[in-house]
C-alpha atoms as a PDB file:
ATOM      1  CA  UNK A   1      52.454-151.467  35.249  1.00  0.00           C
ATOM      2  CA  UNK A   2      50.927-148.463  37.122  1.00  0.00           C
ATOM      3  CA  UNK A   3      51.187-145.013  35.642  1.00  0.00           C
ATOM      4  CA  UNK A   4      51.097-141.698  37.499  1.00  0.00           C
ATOM      5  CA  UNK A   5      49.918-138.654  36.030  1.00  0.00           C
ATOM      6  CA  UNK A   6      48.595-135.249  36.982  1.00  0.00           C
ATOM      7  CA  UNK A   7      44.884-134.704  38.027  1.00  0.00           C
ATOM      8  CA  UNK A   8      43.168-133.400  35.144  1.00  0.00           C
ATOM      9  CA  UNK A   9      39.921-131.436  34.970  1.00  0.00           C
ATOM     10  CA  UNK A  10      38.112-134.405  33.454  1.00  0.00           C
ATOM     11  CA  UNK A  11      39.131-136.335  36.985  1.00  0.00           C
ATOM     12  CA  UNK A  12      36.564-134.290  39.028  1.00  0.00           C
ATOM     13  CA  UNK A  13      33.822-137.266  39.430  1.00  0.00           C
ATOM     14  CA  UNK A  14      36.761-139.707  39.808  1.00  0.00           C
ATOM     15  CA  UNK A  15      38.243-137.518  42.569  1.00  0.00           C
ATOM     16  CA  UNK A  16      34.883-137.565  44.268  1.00  0.00           C
ATOM     17  CA  UNK A  17      34.704-141.636  44.115  1.00  0.00           C
ATOM     18  CA  UNK A  18      38.033-141.418  45.749  1.00  0.00           C
ATOM     19  CA  UNK A  19      37.314-139.038  48.264  1.00  0.00           C
ATOM     20  CA  UNK A  20      34.090-141.416  49.112  1.00  0.00           C
ATOM     21  CA  UNK A  21      36.674-144.371  49.341  1.00  0.00           C
ATOM     22  CA  UNK A  22      38.935-142.608  51.739  1.00  0.00           C
ATOM     23  CA  UNK A  23      35.998-141.903  53.847  1.00  0.00           C
ATOM     24  CA  UNK A  24      34.561-145.058  53.911  1.00  0.00           C
ATOM     25  CA  UNK A  25      37.721-147.074  54.582  1.00  0.00           C
ATOM     26  CA  UNK A  26      36.268-149.269  57.261  1.00  0.00           C
ATOM     27  CA  UNK A  27      34.242-151.854  55.541  1.00  0.00           C
ATOM     28  CA  UNK A  28      32.289-152.291  58.838  1.00  0.00           C
ATOM     29  CA  UNK A  29      30.787-149.011  58.350  1.00  0.00           C
ATOM     30  CA  UNK A  30      27.391-148.393  56.520  1.00  0.00           C
ATOM     31  CA  UNK A  31      28.200-147.142  53.163  1.00  0.00           C
ATOM     32  CA  UNK A  32      25.659-144.548  51.888  1.00  0.00           C
ATOM     33  CA  UNK A  33      25.173-144.392  48.187  1.00  0.00           C
ATOM     34  CA  UNK A  34      27.950-141.910  46.340  1.00  0.00           C
ATOM     35  CA  UNK A  35      25.076-139.850  45.081  1.00  0.00           C
ATOM     36  CA  UNK A  36      24.026-139.185  48.809  1.00  0.00           C
ATOM     37  CA  UNK A  37      27.477-138.700  50.138  1.00  0.00           C
ATOM     38  CA  UNK A  38      27.886-135.766  47.246  1.00  0.00           C
ATOM     39  CA  UNK A  39      25.417-133.868  49.002  1.00  0.00           C
ATOM     40  CA  UNK A  40      26.710-134.139  52.508  1.00  0.00           C
ATOM     41  CA  UNK A  41      27.824-130.547  53.473  1.00  0.00           C
ATOM     42  CA  UNK A  42      31.244-131.912  54.732  1.00  0.00           C
ATOM     43  CA  UNK A  43      31.891-133.538  51.420  1.00  0.00           C
ATOM     44  CA  UNK A  44      31.054-130.649  49.441  1.00  0.00           C
ATOM     45  CA  UNK A  45      33.087-128.431  51.510  1.00  0.00           C
ATOM     46  CA  UNK A  46      36.207-130.742  50.751  1.00  0.00           C
ATOM     47  CA  UNK A  47      36.321-130.396  47.191  1.00  0.00           C
ATOM     48  CA  UNK A  48      34.252-126.981  46.440  1.00  0.00           C
ATOM     49  CA  UNK A  49      35.874-124.826  43.787  1.00  0.00           C
ATOM     50  CA  UNK A  50      38.634-127.586  43.228  1.00  0.00           C
ATOM     51  CA  UNK A  51      41.452-126.125  41.061  1.00  0.00           C
ATOM     52  CA  UNK A  52      42.329-122.755  43.092  1.00  0.00           C
ATOM     53  CA  UNK A  53      45.743-122.051  43.765  1.00  0.00           C
ATOM     54  CA  UNK A  54      47.403-124.810  45.852  1.00  0.00           C
ATOM     55  CA  UNK A  55      45.184-127.752  44.901  1.00  0.00           C
ATOM     56  CA  UNK A  56      47.441-130.308  43.442  1.00  0.00           C
ATOM     57  CA  UNK A  57      46.883-134.137  42.735  1.00  0.00           C
ATOM     58  CA  UNK A  58      47.880-137.343  40.889  1.00  0.00           C
ATOM     59  CA  UNK A  59      45.899-140.289  39.446  1.00  0.00           C
ATOM     60  CA  UNK A  60      47.125-143.821  39.339  1.00  0.00           C
ATOM     61  CA  UNK A  61      46.229-145.615  36.128  1.00  0.00           C
ATOM     62  CA  UNK A  62      46.607-149.268  34.957  1.00  0.00           C
ATOM     63  CA  UNK A  63      45.730-150.203  31.625  1.00  0.00           C
ATOM     64  CA  UNK A  64      44.061-146.865  30.998  1.00  0.00           C
ATOM     65  CA  UNK A  65      41.644-147.496  34.179  1.00  0.00           C
ATOM     66  CA  UNK A  66      41.871-145.033  36.951  1.00  0.00           C
ATOM     67  CA  UNK A  67      42.623-147.024  40.073  1.00  0.00           C
ATOM     68  CA  UNK A  68      43.837-144.487  42.743  1.00  0.00           C
ATOM     69  CA  UNK A  69      44.210-140.628  43.351  1.00  0.00           C
ATOM     70  CA  UNK A  70      46.183-138.530  46.020  1.00  0.00           C
ATOM     71  CA  UNK A  71      45.756-135.021  46.225  1.00  0.00           C
ATOM     72  CA  UNK A  72      46.327-131.895  48.453  1.00  0.00           C
ATOM     73  CA  UNK A  73      44.884-128.534  49.361  1.00  0.00           C
ATOM     74  CA  UNK A  74      45.774-125.413  51.298  1.00  0.00           C
ATOM     75  CA  UNK A  75      42.949-124.479  54.038  1.00  0.00           C
ATOM     76  CA  UNK A  76      42.436-121.525  56.341  1.00  0.00           C
ATOM     77  CA  UNK A  77      41.922-121.278  60.205  1.00  0.00           C
ATOM     78  CA  UNK A  78      38.264-120.465  59.293  1.00  0.00           C
ATOM     79  CA  UNK A  79      37.573-123.010  56.760  1.00  0.00           C
ATOM     80  CA  UNK A  80      39.694-126.306  56.921  1.00  0.00           C
ATOM     81  CA  UNK A  81      38.958-130.181  57.199  1.00  0.00           C
ATOM     82  CA  UNK A  82      40.426-132.476  59.817  1.00  0.00           C
ATOM     83  CA  UNK A  83      43.929-132.729  59.398  1.00  0.00           C
ATOM     84  CA  UNK A  84      44.407-128.905  59.239  1.00  0.00           C
ATOM     85  CA  UNK A  85      47.746-127.740  60.925  1.00  0.00           C
ATOM     86  CA  UNK A  86      48.329-124.316  59.344  1.00  0.00           C
ATOM     87  CA  UNK A  87      47.716-122.148  56.378  1.00  0.00           C
ATOM     88  CA  UNK A  88      51.146-122.824  54.705  1.00  0.00           C
ATOM     89  CA  UNK A  89      50.699-126.744  55.185  1.00  0.00           C
ATOM     90  CA  UNK A  90      48.311-128.550  52.462  1.00  0.00           C
ATOM     91  CA  UNK A  91      46.212-131.370  53.900  1.00  0.00           C
ATOM     92  CA  UNK A  92      46.352-134.287  51.648  1.00  0.00           C
ATOM     93  CA  UNK A  93      43.814-137.062  50.952  1.00  0.00           C
ATOM     94  CA  UNK A  94      44.668-140.451  49.131  1.00  0.00           C
ATOM     95  CA  UNK A  95      42.583-143.575  48.195  1.00  0.00           C
ATOM     96  CA  UNK A  96      42.803-146.415  45.967  1.00  0.00           C
ATOM     97  CA  UNK A  97      40.016-148.493  44.385  1.00  0.00           C
ATOM     98  CA  UNK A  98      38.896-151.741  45.944  1.00  0.00           C
ATOM     99  CA  UNK A  99      40.860-154.455  44.241  1.00  0.00           C
ATOM    100  CA  UNK A 100      43.685-152.582  43.729  1.00  0.00           C
ATOM    101  CA  UNK A 101      44.931-151.811  47.464  1.00  0.00           C
ATOM    102  CA  UNK A 102      47.986-153.755  49.359  1.00  0.00           C
ATOM    103  CA  UNK A 103      49.788-153.646  45.797  1.00  0.00           C
ATOM    104  CA  UNK A 104      51.958-150.584  46.481  1.00  0.00           C
ATOM    105  CA  UNK A 105      49.655-147.960  44.508  1.00  0.00           C
ATOM    106  CA  UNK A 106      49.004-145.916  47.598  1.00  0.00           C
ATOM    107  CA  UNK A 107      52.831-145.717  48.412  1.00  0.00           C
ATOM    108  CA  UNK A 108      53.453-144.782  44.606  1.00  0.00           C
ATOM    109  CA  UNK A 109      50.817-142.043  44.670  1.00  0.00           C
ATOM    110  CA  UNK A 110      52.062-140.789  47.973  1.00  0.00           C
ATOM    111  CA  UNK A 111      55.672-140.490  46.830  1.00  0.00           C
ATOM    112  CA  UNK A 112      54.533-138.712  43.748  1.00  0.00           C
ATOM    113  CA  UNK A 113      52.463-136.129  45.836  1.00  0.00           C
ATOM    114  CA  UNK A 114      55.521-135.595  48.289  1.00  0.00           C
ATOM    115  CA  UNK A 115      57.564-134.878  45.304  1.00  0.00           C
ATOM    116  CA  UNK A 116      55.016-132.350  44.162  1.00  0.00           C
ATOM    117  CA  UNK A 117      54.807-130.605  47.431  1.00  0.00           C
ATOM    118  CA  UNK A 118      58.804-130.400  47.285  1.00  0.00           C
ATOM    119  CA  UNK A 119      59.119-128.755  44.107  1.00  0.00           C
ATOM    120  CA  UNK A 120      56.430-126.272  44.980  1.00  0.00           C
ATOM    121  CA  UNK A 121      58.378-125.321  47.848  1.00  0.00           C
ATOM    122  CA  UNK A 122      55.730-126.460  50.653  1.00  0.00           C
ATOM    123  CA  UNK A 123      57.396-126.915  54.296  1.00  0.00           C
ATOM    124  CA  UNK A 124      55.212-129.912  54.991  1.00  0.00           C
ATOM    125  CA  UNK A 125      51.873-132.037  54.533  1.00  0.00           C
ATOM    126  CA  UNK A 126      49.364-133.072  56.666  1.00  0.00           C
ATOM    127  CA  UNK A 127      46.771-135.402  56.919  1.00  0.00           C
ATOM    128  CA  UNK A 128      43.847-136.713  59.400  1.00  0.00           C
ATOM    129  CA  UNK A 129      43.801-140.665  59.756  1.00  0.00           C
ATOM    130  CA  UNK A 130      42.194-142.936  62.354  1.00  0.00           C
ATOM    131  CA  UNK A 131      44.547-144.568  64.546  1.00  0.00           C
ATOM    132  CA  UNK A 132      42.972-147.936  63.500  1.00  0.00           C
ATOM    133  CA  UNK A 133      43.303-147.357  59.704  1.00  0.00           C
ATOM    134  CA  UNK A 134      45.890-149.774  57.916  1.00  0.00           C
ATOM    135  CA  UNK A 135      47.154-146.975  55.755  1.00  0.00           C
ATOM    136  CA  UNK A 136      48.653-145.291  58.896  1.00  0.00           C
ATOM    137  CA  UNK A 137      51.525-147.715  58.647  1.00  0.00           C
ATOM    138  CA  UNK A 138      51.940-146.438  55.312  1.00  0.00           C
ATOM    139  CA  UNK A 139      52.153-142.805  56.227  1.00  0.00           C
ATOM    140  CA  UNK A 140      54.338-143.456  59.160  1.00  0.00           C
ATOM    141  CA  UNK A 141      56.782-145.571  56.810  1.00  0.00           C
ATOM    142  CA  UNK A 142      57.120-142.513  54.870  1.00  0.00           C
ATOM    143  CA  UNK A 143      57.962-140.239  57.525  1.00  0.00           C
ATOM    144  CA  UNK A 144      54.555-138.739  58.905  1.00  0.00           C
ATOM    145  CA  UNK A 145      54.498-138.003  62.681  1.00  0.00           C
ATOM    146  CA  UNK A 146      51.476-137.461  64.933  1.00  0.00           C
ATOM    147  CA  UNK A 147      51.076-134.000  65.697  1.00  0.00           C
ATOM    148  CA  UNK A 148      47.696-134.079  67.307  1.00  0.00           C
ATOM    149  CA  UNK A 149      44.101-135.509  67.610  1.00  0.00           C
ATOM    150  CA  UNK A 150      40.699-134.375  66.278  1.00  0.00           C
ATOM    151  CA  UNK A 151      37.848-136.432  67.283  1.00  0.00           C
ATOM    152  CA  UNK A 152      38.599-139.822  66.747  1.00  0.00           C
ATOM    153  CA  UNK A 153      41.402-139.393  64.310  1.00  0.00           C
ATOM    154  CA  UNK A 154      44.878-138.437  64.527  1.00  0.00           C
ATOM    155  CA  UNK A 155      46.614-135.568  62.541  1.00  0.00           C
ATOM    156  CA  UNK A 156      50.063-136.356  60.887  1.00  0.00           C
ATOM    157  CA  UNK A 157      52.535-134.123  59.219  1.00  0.00           C
ATOM    158  CA  UNK A 158      55.460-134.915  57.199  1.00  0.00           C
ATOM    159  CA  UNK A 159      58.009-132.102  57.227  1.00  0.00           C
ATOM    160  CA  UNK A 160      59.691-131.785  53.793  1.00  0.00           C
ATOM    161  CA  UNK A 161      62.620-129.950  54.935  1.00  0.00           C
ATOM    162  CA  UNK A 162      63.426-127.630  52.457  1.00  0.00           C
END
């Protein structure tokens, strides 16, 4: 059974691992070592100062092992990631560890994060996804809609309708 809990301060290294998994979702891509990826400026920007206001996340655990995470963060027009829509809409990230995918863990994480966003009174959530990423079907099935493109990725938004 999968348990969902809030992302805690002791989960930072795991969050980095999940960001790595989310970034290298395509197995055809060459994967650098995680230590090398941690030094990349784009990576360091995404988690710099994690824990600031608006940073929220959840962790999926099974038999006391962490198997996935979902998180969101507010950005500014000056400093943002690929799925940026506006300063009021946090961008989410999500990843499930290899060996635990295609079992509903991602959907469970996503729904938990949506509940948090709704309870926080947020108007929407955004994300960036390759149109070829198999997780795109999950996002669309949960109500995310394409609102734009950034490079080779699509920007999807879920309006929370508060």
